[in-house]
Protein backbone atom coordinates (compact mmCIF):
# COMPACT_ATOMS: atom_id res chain seq x y z
CA MET A 1 -0.18 -39.74 -12.28
CA THR A 2 -2.57 -40.03 -9.41
CA ASP A 3 -5.93 -38.23 -9.30
CA LEU A 4 -4.54 -35.94 -6.29
CA THR A 5 -1.51 -34.66 -8.50
CA LEU A 6 -3.93 -33.98 -11.49
CA ASN A 7 -6.28 -31.88 -9.15
CA ALA A 8 -3.30 -29.94 -7.67
CA ASN A 9 -1.90 -29.14 -11.17
CA LYS A 10 -5.41 -28.11 -12.26
CA TYR A 11 -5.73 -25.63 -9.50
CA ALA A 12 -2.19 -24.40 -10.07
CA LEU A 13 -2.67 -23.92 -13.54
CA ALA A 14 -5.83 -21.91 -13.06
CA ALA A 15 -3.94 -19.52 -10.55
CA ILE A 16 -1.10 -19.03 -12.99
CA ARG A 17 -3.48 -18.43 -15.88
CA GLU A 18 -5.29 -15.90 -13.55
CA ARG A 19 -1.88 -14.23 -12.62
CA ARG A 20 -0.86 -14.03 -16.35
CA ALA A 21 -4.12 -12.42 -17.19
CA GLU A 22 -3.57 -9.64 -14.37
CA LEU A 23 -0.21 -8.96 -15.61
CA SER A 24 -1.08 -8.77 -19.45
CA GLY A 25 -3.90 -6.41 -18.47
CA GLU A 26 -1.68 -4.20 -16.40
CA ILE A 27 0.87 -4.15 -19.20
CA THR A 28 -1.84 -3.09 -21.67
CA SER A 29 -2.98 -0.40 -19.34
CA LEU A 30 0.59 1.04 -18.71
CA GLU A 31 1.23 0.84 -22.34
CA SER A 32 -1.80 3.02 -22.94
CA ARG A 33 -0.82 5.37 -20.15
CA LEU A 34 2.87 5.74 -21.68
CA ARG A 35 1.32 6.56 -25.07
CA HIS A 36 -0.84 9.33 -23.35
CA LEU A 37 2.21 10.74 -21.56
CA ARG A 38 4.50 10.78 -24.66
CA CYS A 39 1.66 12.54 -26.40
CA SER A 40 1.45 15.18 -23.57
CA LEU A 41 5.20 15.53 -23.61
CA VAL A 42 5.16 16.45 -27.31
CA HIS A 43 2.56 19.14 -26.55
CA VAL A 44 4.42 20.35 -23.64
CA ASP A 45 7.50 20.67 -25.79
CA ALA A 46 5.69 22.33 -28.67
CA THR A 47 4.48 24.94 -26.14
CA LEU A 48 7.89 25.64 -24.69
CA ARG A 49 9.20 26.20 -28.30
CA LEU A 50 6.42 28.84 -28.68
CA PHE A 51 7.76 30.73 -25.66
CA ALA A 52 11.45 30.02 -26.01
CA PRO A 53 12.33 29.14 -29.64
CA ASP A 54 15.91 28.54 -28.95
CA ALA A 55 15.17 26.25 -26.25
CA ASP A 56 16.01 22.55 -26.34
CA PRO A 57 13.56 20.46 -24.41
CA GLU A 58 15.84 17.44 -24.43
CA GLU A 59 18.23 19.40 -22.19
CA ILE A 60 15.58 19.47 -19.40
CA ARG A 61 16.45 16.53 -16.97
CA ALA A 62 13.50 14.53 -15.92
CA LYS A 63 12.07 14.39 -12.39
CA LYS A 64 11.36 11.37 -10.31
CA PRO A 65 7.61 11.28 -9.66
CA TYR A 66 6.60 11.67 -6.02
CA ARG A 67 4.48 8.96 -4.83
CA ARG A 68 2.78 9.58 -1.48
CA THR A 69 2.43 6.52 0.75
CA LYS A 70 -0.90 6.64 2.62
CA LEU A 71 -0.23 5.03 5.79
CA PHE A 72 -2.48 7.20 7.79
CA GLY A 73 -5.84 8.86 7.05
CA ALA A 74 -6.10 12.62 6.42
CA GLY A 75 -4.62 14.34 9.60
CA LYS A 76 -4.20 11.13 11.74
CA LEU A 77 -0.45 11.33 11.95
CA ASN A 78 -0.64 15.01 13.00
CA ARG A 79 -3.08 14.15 15.60
CA LEU A 80 -1.01 11.30 16.80
CA ILE A 81 2.13 13.31 17.05
CA LEU A 82 0.47 16.29 18.87
CA GLY A 83 -1.16 13.78 21.29
CA SER A 84 2.18 12.24 22.08
CA LEU A 85 3.78 15.48 22.62
CA ARG A 86 0.81 16.59 24.86
CA ARG A 87 1.22 13.65 26.97
CA GLY A 88 5.15 14.08 27.08
CA GLU A 89 6.29 15.56 30.33
CA ARG A 90 9.51 16.76 28.93
CA PRO A 91 11.07 17.56 25.46
CA MET A 92 10.96 14.41 23.25
CA THR A 93 13.34 13.30 20.70
CA THR A 94 12.01 12.19 17.31
CA ALA A 95 12.71 8.51 18.38
CA GLU A 96 10.60 9.06 21.48
CA VAL A 97 7.63 10.35 19.69
CA VAL A 98 7.81 7.46 17.26
CA ASP A 99 8.04 4.95 20.17
CA SER A 100 4.98 6.62 21.80
CA ILE A 101 3.01 6.44 18.57
CA VAL A 102 3.92 2.80 17.89
CA ALA A 103 2.99 1.83 21.32
CA GLU A 104 -0.28 3.72 21.15
CA LEU A 105 -1.00 1.82 17.82
CA GLY A 106 0.11 -1.38 19.30
CA TYR A 107 2.50 -2.28 16.49
CA GLY A 108 4.93 -4.17 18.72
CA GLU A 109 8.87 -4.11 19.16
CA ASP A 110 9.47 -4.93 15.51
CA ALA A 111 7.66 -2.06 14.24
CA LYS A 112 9.37 0.24 16.80
CA ALA A 113 12.90 -1.07 15.70
CA GLY A 114 11.95 -0.32 11.99
CA MET A 115 10.48 3.11 12.80
CA ARG A 116 13.57 4.12 14.81
CA LYS A 117 15.73 2.96 11.95
CA GLN A 118 13.79 5.29 9.58
CA CYS A 119 14.01 8.28 11.74
CA SER A 120 17.67 7.94 12.60
CA PRO A 121 18.65 11.04 10.54
CA PHE A 122 16.30 13.06 12.70
CA SER A 123 17.28 11.57 16.11
CA LYS A 124 18.87 14.92 17.15
CA ILE A 125 15.59 16.71 16.78
CA GLN A 126 13.72 17.48 20.02
CA VAL A 127 10.25 18.61 20.26
CA ARG A 128 8.42 19.68 23.33
CA SER A 129 4.68 20.59 23.95
CA GLN A 130 3.93 23.81 25.69
CA SER A 131 0.35 24.14 27.21
CA SER A 132 -1.04 27.63 27.92
CA SER A 133 -4.23 28.21 29.89
CA SER A 134 -6.35 28.82 26.74
CA SER A 135 -4.81 26.48 24.26
CA SER A 136 -2.20 24.09 23.42
CA LYS A 137 0.97 25.21 21.50
CA VAL A 138 3.35 22.83 20.06
CA ASP A 139 7.01 24.23 19.68
CA THR A 140 9.75 22.44 17.81
CA LEU A 141 13.35 22.98 18.82
CA ILE A 142 15.62 21.68 16.21
CA ASN A 143 19.09 20.70 17.28
CA MET A 144 20.30 19.07 14.18
CA ALA A 145 23.79 17.93 13.96
CA TYR A 146 24.85 17.04 10.30
CA PRO A 147 27.66 14.84 9.63
């Protein structure tokens, strides 16, 4: 083997070892969390049996945990939506609001197409902004057509 190949293998091996160490650490952490959650579940089941001795905790279906995706900072999406509605000259569909926000953030056409796909179930919702002399009010008009 040439010296160049040995160097390339050395860096690749170091990267693979680093990745393996990260995965192993994450597995250890998740196993610890799993033990804690199982212990908590035993305690909740015992408490449930105190209040309802004939209850079977195994019959209670598990819920999928909700994971919030933080794409925007606190309140930023609301400000973007309200700003878009205030600038609108007529009632806007959800897709138009999304287009306005994507344009304001400068994400480009690919993002616009992807976001339109995401909001397609809500494409019949129309929103309008109504300004009064003292403050700005945002009304929503919902014209949903369910298939």
